[in-house]
PDB file of N, CA and C in Angstrom:
ATOM      1  N   MET A   1       9.373   4.051  12.560  1.00  0.00           N
ATOM      2  CA  MET A   1       8.899   4.087  11.194  1.00  0.00           C
ATOM      3  C   MET A   1       9.023   5.512  10.686  1.00  0.00           C
ATOM      4  N   LYS A   2       9.455   5.642   9.434  1.00  0.00           N
ATOM      5  CA  LYS A   2       9.547   6.959   8.814  1.00  0.00           C
ATOM      6  C   LYS A   2       8.947   6.878   7.417  1.00  0.00           C
ATOM      7  N   ALA A   3       8.703   8.030   6.829  1.00  0.00           N
ATOM      8  CA  ALA A   3       8.136   8.090   5.485  1.00  0.00           C
ATOM      9  C   ALA A   3       9.124   8.744   4.532  1.00  0.00           C
ATOM     10  N   VAL A   4       9.185   8.196   3.319  1.00  0.00           N
ATOM     11  CA  VAL A   4       9.999   8.740   2.243  1.00  0.00           C
ATOM     12  C   VAL A   4       9.048   9.086   1.101  1.00  0.00           C
ATOM     13  N   TYR A   5       9.205  10.271   0.554  1.00  0.00           N
ATOM     14  CA  TYR A   5       8.325  10.702  -0.531  1.00  0.00           C
ATOM     15  C   TYR A   5       8.510   9.801  -1.745  1.00  0.00           C
ATOM     16  N   TYR A   6       7.384   9.275  -2.229  1.00  0.00           N
ATOM     17  CA  TYR A   6       7.384   8.452  -3.448  1.00  0.00           C
ATOM     18  C   TYR A   6       6.099   8.722  -4.202  1.00  0.00           C
ATOM     19  N   ASN A   7       6.219   9.267  -5.403  1.00  0.00           N
ATOM     20  CA  ASN A   7       5.054   9.571  -6.221  1.00  0.00           C
ATOM     21  C   ASN A   7       5.482   9.609  -7.691  1.00  0.00           C
ATOM     22  N   PRO A   8       5.543   8.437  -8.345  1.00  0.00           N
ATOM     23  CA  PRO A   8       6.039   8.385  -9.719  1.00  0.00           C
ATOM     24  C   PRO A   8       5.140   9.114 -10.724  1.00  0.00           C
ATOM     25  N   VAL A   9       3.845   9.202 -10.435  1.00  0.00           N
ATOM     26  CA  VAL A   9       2.888   9.880 -11.314  1.00  0.00           C
ATOM     27  C   VAL A   9       1.886  10.602 -10.425  1.00  0.00           C
ATOM     28  N   ASP A  10       1.766  11.903 -10.603  1.00  0.00           N
ATOM     29  CA  ASP A  10       0.833  12.662  -9.768  1.00  0.00           C
ATOM     30  C   ASP A  10      -0.577  12.490 -10.315  1.00  0.00           C
ATOM     31  N   GLU A  11      -1.269  11.505  -9.765  1.00  0.00           N
ATOM     32  CA  GLU A  11      -2.610  11.167 -10.230  1.00  0.00           C
ATOM     33  C   GLU A  11      -3.504  10.962  -9.021  1.00  0.00           C
ATOM     34  N   LYS A  12      -4.692  11.551  -9.057  1.00  0.00           N
ATOM     35  CA  LYS A  12      -5.640  11.377  -7.950  1.00  0.00           C
ATOM     36  C   LYS A  12      -6.061   9.925  -7.847  1.00  0.00           C
ATOM     37  N   ALA A  13      -6.247   9.446  -6.629  1.00  0.00           N
ATOM     38  CA  ALA A  13      -6.719   8.082  -6.359  1.00  0.00           C
ATOM     39  C   ALA A  13      -5.766   7.031  -6.911  1.00  0.00           C
ATOM     40  N   GLY A  14      -4.482   7.330  -6.947  1.00  0.00           N
ATOM     41  CA  GLY A  14      -3.503   6.399  -7.499  1.00  0.00           C
ATOM     42  C   GLY A  14      -2.728   5.611  -6.463  1.00  0.00           C
ATOM     43  N   CYS A  15      -3.175   5.614  -5.212  1.00  0.00           N
ATOM     44  CA  CYS A  15      -2.385   4.973  -4.155  1.00  0.00           C
ATOM     45  C   CYS A  15      -2.252   3.465  -4.352  1.00  0.00           C
ATOM     46  N   VAL A  16      -3.265   2.815  -4.907  1.00  0.00           N
ATOM     47  CA  VAL A  16      -3.189   1.367  -5.146  1.00  0.00           C
ATOM     48  C   VAL A  16      -2.077   1.072  -6.139  1.00  0.00           C
ATOM     49  N   ILE A  17      -2.098   1.781  -7.257  1.00  0.00           N
ATOM     50  CA  ILE A  17      -1.088   1.553  -8.300  1.00  0.00           C
ATOM     51  C   ILE A  17       0.291   1.968  -7.809  1.00  0.00           C
ATOM     52  N   ARG A  18       0.379   3.105  -7.137  1.00  0.00           N
ATOM     53  CA  ARG A  18       1.660   3.601  -6.611  1.00  0.00           C
ATOM     54  C   ARG A  18       2.286   2.586  -5.656  1.00  0.00           C
ATOM     55  N   SER A  19       1.474   2.027  -4.765  1.00  0.00           N
ATOM     56  CA  SER A  19       1.975   1.050  -3.791  1.00  0.00           C
ATOM     57  C   SER A  19       2.510  -0.208  -4.467  1.00  0.00           C
ATOM     58  N   ILE A  20       1.726  -0.703  -5.410  1.00  0.00           N
ATOM     59  CA  ILE A  20       2.131  -1.933  -6.106  1.00  0.00           C
ATOM     60  C   ILE A  20       3.359  -1.698  -6.964  1.00  0.00           C
ATOM     61  N   SER A  21       3.420  -0.538  -7.635  1.00  0.00           N
ATOM     62  CA  SER A  21       4.579  -0.265  -8.492  1.00  0.00           C
ATOM     63  C   SER A  21       5.867  -0.204  -7.678  1.00  0.00           C
ATOM     64  N   LYS A  22       5.796   0.389  -6.495  1.00  0.00           N
ATOM     65  CA  LYS A  22       6.981   0.454  -5.630  1.00  0.00           C
ATOM     66  C   LYS A  22       7.350  -0.930  -5.111  1.00  0.00           C
ATOM     67  N   ALA A  23       6.351  -1.671  -4.633  1.00  0.00           N
ATOM     68  CA  ALA A  23       6.616  -2.986  -4.046  1.00  0.00           C
ATOM     69  C   ALA A  23       7.196  -3.964  -5.058  1.00  0.00           C
ATOM     70  N   LEU A  24       6.717  -3.911  -6.291  1.00  0.00           N
ATOM     71  CA  LEU A  24       7.174  -4.847  -7.325  1.00  0.00           C
ATOM     72  C   LEU A  24       8.251  -4.250  -8.228  1.00  0.00           C
ATOM     73  N   ASN A  25       8.585  -2.979  -7.981  1.00  0.00           N
ATOM     74  CA  ASN A  25       9.577  -2.276  -8.809  1.00  0.00           C
ATOM     75  C   ASN A  25       9.194  -2.349 -10.293  1.00  0.00           C
ATOM     76  N   LYS A  26       7.899  -2.059 -10.553  1.00  0.00           N
ATOM     77  CA  LYS A  26       7.374  -2.072 -11.917  1.00  0.00           C
ATOM     78  C   LYS A  26       6.823  -0.692 -12.258  1.00  0.00           C
ATOM     79  N   ASP A  27       6.765  -0.394 -13.540  1.00  0.00           N
ATOM     80  CA  ASP A  27       6.285   0.886 -14.031  1.00  0.00           C
ATOM     81  C   ASP A  27       4.829   1.135 -13.624  1.00  0.00           C
ATOM     82  N   TYR A  28       4.559   2.332 -13.164  1.00  0.00           N
ATOM     83  CA  TYR A  28       3.222   2.734 -12.721  1.00  0.00           C
ATOM     84  C   TYR A  28       2.170   2.501 -13.804  1.00  0.00           C
ATOM     85  N   ASN A  29       2.446   2.972 -15.015  1.00  0.00           N
ATOM     86  CA  ASN A  29       1.474   2.856 -16.103  1.00  0.00           C
ATOM     87  C   ASN A  29       1.234   1.406 -16.520  1.00  0.00           C
ATOM     88  N   LEU A  30       2.257   0.579 -16.404  1.00  0.00           N
ATOM     89  CA  LEU A  30       2.090  -0.850 -16.693  1.00  0.00           C
ATOM     90  C   LEU A  30       1.157  -1.504 -15.668  1.00  0.00           C
ATOM     91  N   ILE A  31       1.353  -1.195 -14.408  1.00  0.00           N
ATOM     92  CA  ILE A  31       0.482  -1.724 -13.352  1.00  0.00           C
ATOM     93  C   ILE A  31      -0.964  -1.270 -13.603  1.00  0.00           C
ATOM     94  N   LYS A  32      -1.132   0.009 -13.931  1.00  0.00           N
ATOM     95  CA  LYS A  32      -2.467   0.548 -14.182  1.00  0.00           C
ATOM     96  C   LYS A  32      -3.147  -0.196 -15.331  1.00  0.00           C
ATOM     97  N   LYS A  33      -2.403  -0.464 -16.368  1.00  0.00           N
ATOM     98  CA  LYS A  33      -2.947  -1.200 -17.519  1.00  0.00           C
ATOM     99  C   LYS A  33      -3.311  -2.630 -17.129  1.00  0.00           C
ATOM    100  N   GLU A  34      -2.445  -3.279 -16.379  1.00  0.00           N
ATOM    101  CA  GLU A  34      -2.692  -4.666 -15.965  1.00  0.00           C
ATOM    102  C   GLU A  34      -3.903  -4.782 -15.039  1.00  0.00           C
ATOM    103  N   LEU A  35      -4.090  -3.804 -14.164  1.00  0.00           N
ATOM    104  CA  LEU A  35      -5.213  -3.842 -13.232  1.00  0.00           C
ATOM    105  C   LEU A  35      -6.543  -3.474 -13.890  1.00  0.00           C
ATOM    106  N   GLY A  36      -6.512  -2.610 -14.877  1.00  0.00           N
ATOM    107  CA  GLY A  36      -7.741  -2.192 -15.542  1.00  0.00           C
ATOM    108  C   GLY A  36      -8.438  -1.058 -14.812  1.00  0.00           C
ATOM    109  N   ILE A  37      -9.610  -0.701 -15.293  1.00  0.00           N
ATOM    110  CA  ILE A  37     -10.283   0.502 -14.794  1.00  0.00           C
ATOM    111  C   ILE A  37     -10.821   0.367 -13.367  1.00  0.00           C
ATOM    112  N   ASN A  38     -11.016  -0.841 -12.897  1.00  0.00           N
ATOM    113  CA  ASN A  38     -11.539  -1.041 -11.545  1.00  0.00           C
ATOM    114  C   ASN A  38     -10.431  -1.289 -10.520  1.00  0.00           C
ATOM    115  N   TYR A  39      -9.271  -0.692 -10.725  1.00  0.00           N
ATOM    116  CA  TYR A  39      -8.111  -0.981  -9.885  1.00  0.00           C
ATOM    117  C   TYR A  39      -8.309  -0.651  -8.411  1.00  0.00           C
ATOM    118  N   ASN A  40      -9.234   0.232  -8.062  1.00  0.00           N
ATOM    119  CA  ASN A  40      -9.470   0.558  -6.653  1.00  0.00           C
ATOM    120  C   ASN A  40     -10.423  -0.410  -5.967  1.00  0.00           C
ATOM    121  N   ASP A  41     -10.968  -1.351  -6.696  1.00  0.00           N
ATOM    122  CA  ASP A  41     -11.848  -2.369  -6.128  1.00  0.00           C
ATOM    123  C   ASP A  41     -10.992  -3.387  -5.382  1.00  0.00           C
ATOM    124  N   GLU A  42     -11.314  -3.634  -4.120  1.00  0.00           N
ATOM    125  CA  GLU A  42     -10.489  -4.513  -3.280  1.00  0.00           C
ATOM    126  C   GLU A  42     -10.308  -5.899  -3.901  1.00  0.00           C
ATOM    127  N   ALA A  43     -11.333  -6.481  -4.482  1.00  0.00           N
ATOM    128  CA  ALA A  43     -11.211  -7.810  -5.093  1.00  0.00           C
ATOM    129  C   ALA A  43     -10.231  -7.785  -6.265  1.00  0.00           C
ATOM    130  N   VAL A  44     -10.203  -6.693  -7.015  1.00  0.00           N
ATOM    131  CA  VAL A  44      -9.318  -6.571  -8.166  1.00  0.00           C
ATOM    132  C   VAL A  44      -7.860  -6.458  -7.723  1.00  0.00           C
ATOM    133  N   PHE A  45      -7.557  -5.501  -6.840  1.00  0.00           N
ATOM    134  CA  PHE A  45      -6.148  -5.341  -6.449  1.00  0.00           C
ATOM    135  C   PHE A  45      -5.668  -6.505  -5.604  1.00  0.00           C
ATOM    136  N   GLU A  46      -6.546  -7.099  -4.786  1.00  0.00           N
ATOM    137  CA  GLU A  46      -6.134  -8.236  -3.966  1.00  0.00           C
ATOM    138  C   GLU A  46      -5.791  -9.443  -4.844  1.00  0.00           C
ATOM    139  N   ASN A  47      -6.591  -9.705  -5.845  1.00  0.00           N
ATOM    140  CA  ASN A  47      -6.312 -10.798  -6.768  1.00  0.00           C
ATOM    141  C   ASN A  47      -4.966 -10.580  -7.466  1.00  0.00           C
ATOM    142  N   TYR A  48      -4.703  -9.345  -7.878  1.00  0.00           N
ATOM    143  CA  TYR A  48      -3.432  -9.010  -8.524  1.00  0.00           C
ATOM    144  C   TYR A  48      -2.258  -9.244  -7.560  1.00  0.00           C
ATOM    145  N   LEU A  49      -2.424  -8.823  -6.317  1.00  0.00           N
ATOM    146  CA  LEU A  49      -1.363  -9.021  -5.328  1.00  0.00           C
ATOM    147  C   LEU A  49      -1.091 -10.508  -5.103  1.00  0.00           C
ATOM    148  N   PHE A  50      -2.139 -11.302  -4.964  1.00  0.00           N
ATOM    149  CA  PHE A  50      -1.963 -12.740  -4.747  1.00  0.00           C
ATOM    150  C   PHE A  50      -1.239 -13.383  -5.937  1.00  0.00           C
ATOM    151  N   LYS A  51      -1.577 -12.973  -7.149  1.00  0.00           N
ATOM    152  CA  LYS A  51      -0.923 -13.513  -8.351  1.00  0.00           C
ATOM    153  C   LYS A  51       0.545 -13.135  -8.416  1.00  0.00           C
ATOM    154  N   ASN A  52       0.908 -12.073  -7.713  1.00  0.00           N
ATOM    155  CA  ASN A  52       2.291 -11.596  -7.729  1.00  0.00           C
ATOM    156  C   ASN A  52       3.056 -11.920  -6.452  1.00  0.00           C
ATOM    157  N   GLY A  53       2.586 -12.917  -5.698  1.00  0.00           N
ATOM    158  CA  GLY A  53       3.370 -13.435  -4.587  1.00  0.00           C
ATOM    159  C   GLY A  53       3.092 -12.854  -3.218  1.00  0.00           C
ATOM    160  N   PHE A  54       2.031 -12.083  -3.062  1.00  0.00           N
ATOM    161  CA  PHE A  54       1.704 -11.521  -1.753  1.00  0.00           C
ATOM    162  C   PHE A  54       0.759 -12.447  -0.987  1.00  0.00           C
ATOM    163  N   ILE A  55       0.855 -12.398   0.315  1.00  0.00           N
ATOM    164  CA  ILE A  55      -0.068 -13.084   1.218  1.00  0.00           C
ATOM    165  C   ILE A  55      -0.606 -12.045   2.202  1.00  0.00           C
ATOM    166  N   VAL A  56      -1.717 -12.357   2.856  1.00  0.00           N
ATOM    167  CA  VAL A  56      -2.270 -11.447   3.862  1.00  0.00           C
ATOM    168  C   VAL A  56      -1.673 -11.789   5.223  1.00  0.00           C
ATOM    169  N   ASP A  57      -1.198 -10.772   5.920  1.00  0.00           N
ATOM    170  CA  ASP A  57      -0.692 -10.913   7.283  1.00  0.00           C
ATOM    171  C   ASP A  57      -1.678 -10.197   8.197  1.00  0.00           C
ATOM    172  N   ASN A  58      -2.554 -10.951   8.851  1.00  0.00           N
ATOM    173  CA  ASN A  58      -3.623 -10.368   9.666  1.00  0.00           C
ATOM    174  C   ASN A  58      -3.217  -9.985  11.084  1.00  0.00           C
ATOM    175  N   CYS A  59      -1.972 -10.166  11.463  1.00  0.00           N
ATOM    176  CA  CYS A  59      -1.603  -9.877  12.852  1.00  0.00           C
ATOM    177  C   CYS A  59      -1.587  -8.378  13.166  1.00  0.00           C
ATOM    178  N   PHE A  60      -1.712  -7.524  12.146  1.00  0.00           N
ATOM    179  CA  PHE A  60      -1.686  -6.078  12.375  1.00  0.00           C
ATOM    180  C   PHE A  60      -3.059  -5.432  12.270  1.00  0.00           C
ATOM    181  N   LYS A  61      -4.092  -6.210  12.020  1.00  0.00           N
ATOM    182  CA  LYS A  61      -5.445  -5.683  11.825  1.00  0.00           C
ATOM    183  C   LYS A  61      -5.863  -4.823  13.029  1.00  0.00           C
ATOM    184  N   ASP A  62      -6.400  -3.663  12.745  1.00  0.00           N
ATOM    185  CA  ASP A  62      -6.924  -2.688  13.711  1.00  0.00           C
ATOM    186  C   ASP A  62      -5.853  -1.969  14.529  1.00  0.00           C
ATOM    187  N   LYS A  63      -4.579  -2.191  14.247  1.00  0.00           N
ATOM    188  CA  LYS A  63      -3.515  -1.443  14.925  1.00  0.00           C
ATOM    189  C   LYS A  63      -3.253  -0.152  14.157  1.00  0.00           C
ATOM    190  N   LEU A  64      -2.691   0.827  14.839  1.00  0.00           N
ATOM    191  CA  LEU A  64      -2.328   2.077  14.189  1.00  0.00           C
ATOM    192  C   LEU A  64      -1.001   1.906  13.455  1.00  0.00           C
ATOM    193  N   LEU A  65      -0.902   2.536  12.308  1.00  0.00           N
ATOM    194  CA  LEU A  65       0.313   2.442  11.503  1.00  0.00           C
ATOM    195  C   LEU A  65       1.559   2.808  12.306  1.00  0.00           C
ATOM    196  N   LYS A  66       1.451   3.840  13.132  1.00  0.00           N
ATOM    197  CA  LYS A  66       2.616   4.310  13.890  1.00  0.00           C
ATOM    198  C   LYS A  66       3.101   3.290  14.924  1.00  0.00           C
ATOM    199  N   ASN A  67       2.280   2.291  15.247  1.00  0.00           N
ATOM    200  CA  ASN A  67       2.629   1.321  16.282  1.00  0.00           C
ATOM    201  C   ASN A  67       3.095  -0.030  15.755  1.00  0.00           C
ATOM    202  N   ILE A  68       3.329  -0.136  14.457  1.00  0.00           N
ATOM    203  CA  ILE A  68       3.742  -1.436  13.920  1.00  0.00           C
ATOM    204  C   ILE A  68       5.160  -1.354  13.363  1.00  0.00           C
ATOM    205  N   ASN A  69       5.749  -2.510  13.165  1.00  0.00           N
ATOM    206  CA  ASN A  69       7.090  -2.622  12.626  1.00  0.00           C
ATOM    207  C   ASN A  69       7.042  -3.680  11.533  1.00  0.00           C
ATOM    208  N   LEU A  70       7.284  -3.272  10.295  1.00  0.00           N
ATOM    209  CA  LEU A  70       7.179  -4.190   9.165  1.00  0.00           C
ATOM    210  C   LEU A  70       8.529  -4.385   8.495  1.00  0.00           C
ATOM    211  N   LYS A  71       8.961  -5.620   8.438  1.00  0.00           N
ATOM    212  CA  LYS A  71      10.193  -5.977   7.724  1.00  0.00           C
ATOM    213  C   LYS A  71       9.822  -6.573   6.380  1.00  0.00           C
ATOM    214  N   GLY A  72      10.718  -6.490   5.434  1.00  0.00           N
ATOM    215  CA  GLY A  72      10.453  -7.011   4.102  1.00  0.00           C
ATOM    216  C   GLY A  72       9.606  -6.040   3.297  1.00  0.00           C
ATOM    217  N   ILE A  73       8.988  -6.562   2.226  1.00  0.00           N
ATOM    218  CA  ILE A  73       8.181  -5.746   1.328  1.00  0.00           C
ATOM    219  C   ILE A  73       6.710  -5.975   1.645  1.00  0.00           C
ATOM    220  N   ASN A  74       6.022  -4.884   1.959  1.00  0.00           N
ATOM    221  CA  ASN A  74       4.619  -4.946   2.385  1.00  0.00           C
ATOM    222  C   ASN A  74       3.812  -3.858   1.700  1.00  0.00           C
ATOM    223  N   ILE A  75       2.524  -4.130   1.540  1.00  0.00           N
ATOM    224  CA  ILE A  75       1.567  -3.112   1.129  1.00  0.00           C
ATOM    225  C   ILE A  75       0.521  -3.046   2.227  1.00  0.00           C
ATOM    226  N   VAL A  76       0.324  -1.850   2.749  1.00  0.00           N
ATOM    227  CA  VAL A  76      -0.594  -1.648   3.865  1.00  0.00           C
ATOM    228  C   VAL A  76      -1.863  -0.971   3.353  1.00  0.00           C
ATOM    229  N   PHE A  77      -2.990  -1.572   3.666  1.00  0.00           N
ATOM    230  CA  PHE A  77      -4.309  -1.011   3.370  1.00  0.00           C
ATOM    231  C   PHE A  77      -4.866  -0.535   4.705  1.00  0.00           C
ATOM    232  N   ALA A  78      -5.152   0.765   4.801  1.00  0.00           N
ATOM    233  CA  ALA A  78      -5.537   1.359   6.088  1.00  0.00           C
ATOM    234  C   ALA A  78      -6.587   2.446   5.882  1.00  0.00           C
ATOM    235  N   HIS A  79      -7.108   2.936   7.005  1.00  0.00           N
ATOM    236  CA  HIS A  79      -8.100   4.011   6.927  1.00  0.00           C
ATOM    237  C   HIS A  79      -8.041   4.882   8.173  1.00  0.00           C
ATOM    238  N   ILE A  80      -8.555   6.077   7.990  1.00  0.00           N
ATOM    239  CA  ILE A  80      -8.816   6.982   9.097  1.00  0.00           C
ATOM    240  C   ILE A  80     -10.085   7.736   8.706  1.00  0.00           C
ATOM    241  N   ASN A  81     -11.097   7.622   9.557  1.00  0.00           N
ATOM    242  CA  ASN A  81     -12.419   8.172   9.240  1.00  0.00           C
ATOM    243  C   ASN A  81     -12.887   7.609   7.897  1.00  0.00           C
ATOM    244  N   ASP A  82     -13.185   8.458   6.933  1.00  0.00           N
ATOM    245  CA  ASP A  82     -13.666   7.996   5.628  1.00  0.00           C
ATOM    246  C   ASP A  82     -12.576   7.971   4.559  1.00  0.00           C
ATOM    247  N   TRP A  83     -11.325   8.095   4.958  1.00  0.00           N
ATOM    248  CA  TRP A  83     -10.221   8.082   4.006  1.00  0.00           C
ATOM    249  C   TRP A  83      -9.575   6.702   4.033  1.00  0.00           C
ATOM    250  N   TYR A  84      -9.631   5.996   2.900  1.00  0.00           N
ATOM    251  CA  TYR A  84      -9.003   4.693   2.741  1.00  0.00           C
ATOM    252  C   TYR A  84      -7.771   4.877   1.877  1.00  0.00           C
ATOM    253  N   HIS A  85      -6.681   4.199   2.253  1.00  0.00           N
ATOM    254  CA  HIS A  85      -5.400   4.461   1.604  1.00  0.00           C
ATOM    255  C   HIS A  85      -4.542   3.212   1.587  1.00  0.00           C
ATOM    256  N   MET A  86      -3.725   3.095   0.536  1.00  0.00           N
ATOM    257  CA  MET A  86      -2.722   2.028   0.456  1.00  0.00           C
ATOM    258  C   MET A  86      -1.350   2.660   0.319  1.00  0.00           C
ATOM    259  N   MET A  87      -0.371   1.999   0.934  1.00  0.00           N
ATOM    260  CA  MET A  87       0.993   2.485   0.837  1.00  0.00           C
ATOM    261  C   MET A  87       1.968   1.316   0.910  1.00  0.00           C
ATOM    262  N   CYS A  88       3.096   1.486   0.299  1.00  0.00           N
ATOM    263  CA  CYS A  88       4.144   0.469   0.333  1.00  0.00           C
ATOM    264  C   CYS A  88       5.040   0.738   1.543  1.00  0.00           C
ATOM    265  N   VAL A  89       5.341  -0.328   2.285  1.00  0.00           N
ATOM    266  CA  VAL A  89       6.262  -0.228   3.426  1.00  0.00           C
ATOM    267  C   VAL A  89       7.344  -1.280   3.231  1.00  0.00           C
ATOM    268  N   ILE A  90       8.570  -0.824   3.106  1.00  0.00           N
ATOM    269  CA  ILE A  90       9.717  -1.719   2.924  1.00  0.00           C
ATOM    270  C   ILE A  90      10.658  -1.518   4.097  1.00  0.00           C
ATOM    271  N   ASP A  91      10.887  -2.594   4.833  1.00  0.00           N
ATOM    272  CA  ASP A  91      11.765  -2.551   6.011  1.00  0.00           C
ATOM    273  C   ASP A  91      11.462  -1.351   6.910  1.00  0.00           C
ATOM    274  N   ASN A  92      10.177  -1.193   7.208  1.00  0.00           N
ATOM    275  CA  ASN A  92       9.660  -0.185   8.140  1.00  0.00           C
ATOM    276  C   ASN A  92       9.787   1.250   7.633  1.00  0.00           C
ATOM    277  N   ILE A  93       9.968   1.433   6.325  1.00  0.00           N
ATOM    278  CA  ILE A  93       9.976   2.752   5.714  1.00  0.00           C
ATOM    279  C   ILE A  93       8.767   2.839   4.787  1.00  0.00           C
ATOM    280  N   ILE A  94       7.936   3.856   4.994  1.00  0.00           N
ATOM    281  CA  ILE A  94       6.747   4.073   4.176  1.00  0.00           C
ATOM    282  C   ILE A  94       7.157   4.855   2.932  1.00  0.00           C
ATOM    283  N   TYR A  95       6.777   4.345   1.769  1.00  0.00           N
ATOM    284  CA  TYR A  95       7.001   5.040   0.507  1.00  0.00           C
ATOM    285  C   TYR A  95       5.645   5.525   0.012  1.00  0.00           C
ATOM    286  N   ASP A  96       5.440   6.855   0.071  1.00  0.00           N
ATOM    287  CA  ASP A  96       4.132   7.397  -0.241  1.00  0.00           C
ATOM    288  C   ASP A  96       4.262   8.882  -0.533  1.00  0.00           C
ATOM    289  N   LYS A  97       3.222   9.463  -1.128  1.00  0.00           N
ATOM    290  CA  LYS A  97       3.250  10.909  -1.371  1.00  0.00           C
ATOM    291  C   LYS A  97       2.792  11.703  -0.156  1.00  0.00           C
ATOM    292  N   ASN A  98       2.200  11.021   0.825  1.00  0.00           N
ATOM    293  CA  ASN A  98       1.761  11.680   2.053  1.00  0.00           C
ATOM    294  C   ASN A  98       2.862  11.608   3.104  1.00  0.00           C
ATOM    295  N   THR A  99       2.907  12.597   3.965  1.00  0.00           N
ATOM    296  CA  THR A  99       3.907  12.589   5.026  1.00  0.00           C
ATOM    297  C   THR A  99       3.483  11.629   6.135  1.00  0.00           C
ATOM    298  N   PHE A 100       4.410  11.242   6.951  1.00  0.00           N
ATOM    299  CA  PHE A 100       4.094  10.342   8.060  1.00  0.00           C
ATOM    300  C   PHE A 100       3.075  10.971   8.997  1.00  0.00           C
ATOM    301  N   ASP A 101       3.160  12.277   9.189  1.00  0.00           N
ATOM    302  CA  ASP A 101       2.189  12.952  10.061  1.00  0.00           C
ATOM    303  C   ASP A 101       0.763  12.796   9.540  1.00  0.00           C
ATOM    304  N   ASP A 102       0.603  12.770   8.214  1.00  0.00           N
ATOM    305  CA  ASP A 102      -0.718  12.606   7.614  1.00  0.00           C
ATOM    306  C   ASP A 102      -1.279  11.200   7.816  1.00  0.00           C
ATOM    307  N   ILE A 103      -0.415  10.194   7.865  1.00  0.00           N
ATOM    308  CA  ILE A 103      -0.878   8.806   7.825  1.00  0.00           C
ATOM    309  C   ILE A 103      -0.594   7.983   9.080  1.00  0.00           C
ATOM    310  N   LYS A 104       0.165   8.509  10.017  1.00  0.00           N
ATOM    311  CA  LYS A 104       0.596   7.706  11.160  1.00  0.00           C
ATOM    312  C   LYS A 104      -0.544   7.183  12.030  1.00  0.00           C
ATOM    313  N   ASN A 105      -1.661   7.872  12.060  1.00  0.00           N
ATOM    314  CA  ASN A 105      -2.785   7.440  12.891  1.00  0.00           C
ATOM    315  C   ASN A 105      -3.825   6.631  12.123  1.00  0.00           C
ATOM    316  N   MET A 106      -3.456   6.188  10.936  1.00  0.00           N
ATOM    317  CA  MET A 106      -4.371   5.340  10.171  1.00  0.00           C
ATOM    318  C   MET A 106      -4.450   3.966  10.825  1.00  0.00           C
ATOM    319  N   LYS A 107      -5.649   3.379  10.787  1.00  0.00           N
ATOM    320  CA  LYS A 107      -5.875   2.048  11.350  1.00  0.00           C
ATOM    321  C   LYS A 107      -5.732   1.013  10.232  1.00  0.00           C
ATOM    322  N   ILE A 108      -4.977  -0.034  10.530  1.00  0.00           N
ATOM    323  CA  ILE A 108      -4.693  -1.082   9.545  1.00  0.00           C
ATOM    324  C   ILE A 108      -5.947  -1.914   9.267  1.00  0.00           C
ATOM    325  N   ILE A 109      -6.232  -2.108   7.986  1.00  0.00           N
ATOM    326  CA  ILE A 109      -7.272  -3.034   7.550  1.00  0.00           C
ATOM    327  C   ILE A 109      -6.614  -4.366   7.206  1.00  0.00           C
ATOM    328  N   LYS A 110      -5.591  -4.312   6.326  1.00  0.00           N
ATOM    329  CA  LYS A 110      -4.840  -5.507   5.940  1.00  0.00           C
ATOM    330  C   LYS A 110      -3.409  -5.137   5.622  1.00  0.00           C
ATOM    331  N   VAL A 111      -2.524  -6.085   5.853  1.00  0.00           N
ATOM    332  CA  VAL A 111      -1.155  -5.966   5.401  1.00  0.00           C
ATOM    333  C   VAL A 111      -0.912  -7.110   4.431  1.00  0.00           C
ATOM    334  N   TYR A 112      -0.466  -6.745   3.223  1.00  0.00           N
ATOM    335  CA  TYR A 112      -0.098  -7.738   2.211  1.00  0.00           C
ATOM    336  C   TYR A 112       1.422  -7.829   2.223  1.00  0.00           C
ATOM    337  N   LYS A 113       1.929  -9.026   2.447  1.00  0.00           N
ATOM    338  CA  LYS A 113       3.377  -9.246   2.562  1.00  0.00           C
ATOM    339  C   LYS A 113       3.856 -10.051   1.378  1.00  0.00           C
ATOM    340  N   LEU A 114       4.945  -9.621   0.752  1.00  0.00           N
ATOM    341  CA  LEU A 114       5.537 -10.353  -0.354  1.00  0.00           C
ATOM    342  C   LEU A 114       6.294 -11.555   0.210  1.00  0.00           C
ATOM    343  N   LYS A 115       5.930 -12.733  -0.281  1.00  0.00           N
ATOM    344  CA  LYS A 115       6.585 -13.962   0.209  1.00  0.00           C
ATOM    345  C   LYS A 115       8.028 -14.019  -0.214  1.00  0.00           C
TER     346      LYS A 115
END
């Protein structure tokens, strides 16, 4: 697994929108508008993902990001200590503003896979 820099808009706490915009190939600001002000709420972004063709793949729960292999279009929700983060992973390439060294030891909470 490797990481490729992806950051369409430099905005704090924008990982949810950034991940979805990359996965769906949609404009960042459009996603932000569609999600509304509570976009970081898990129920809000999860509902949006389900409406856009994603399913939950629980086989990666509690594994480290560096130890998984993801094919297709995925959004990974993970954490390390008190840092919670979402990132888009397409064919085992992470698209994010953080380097792989920053995120490789994150523990998977959920993987959303595009059907």
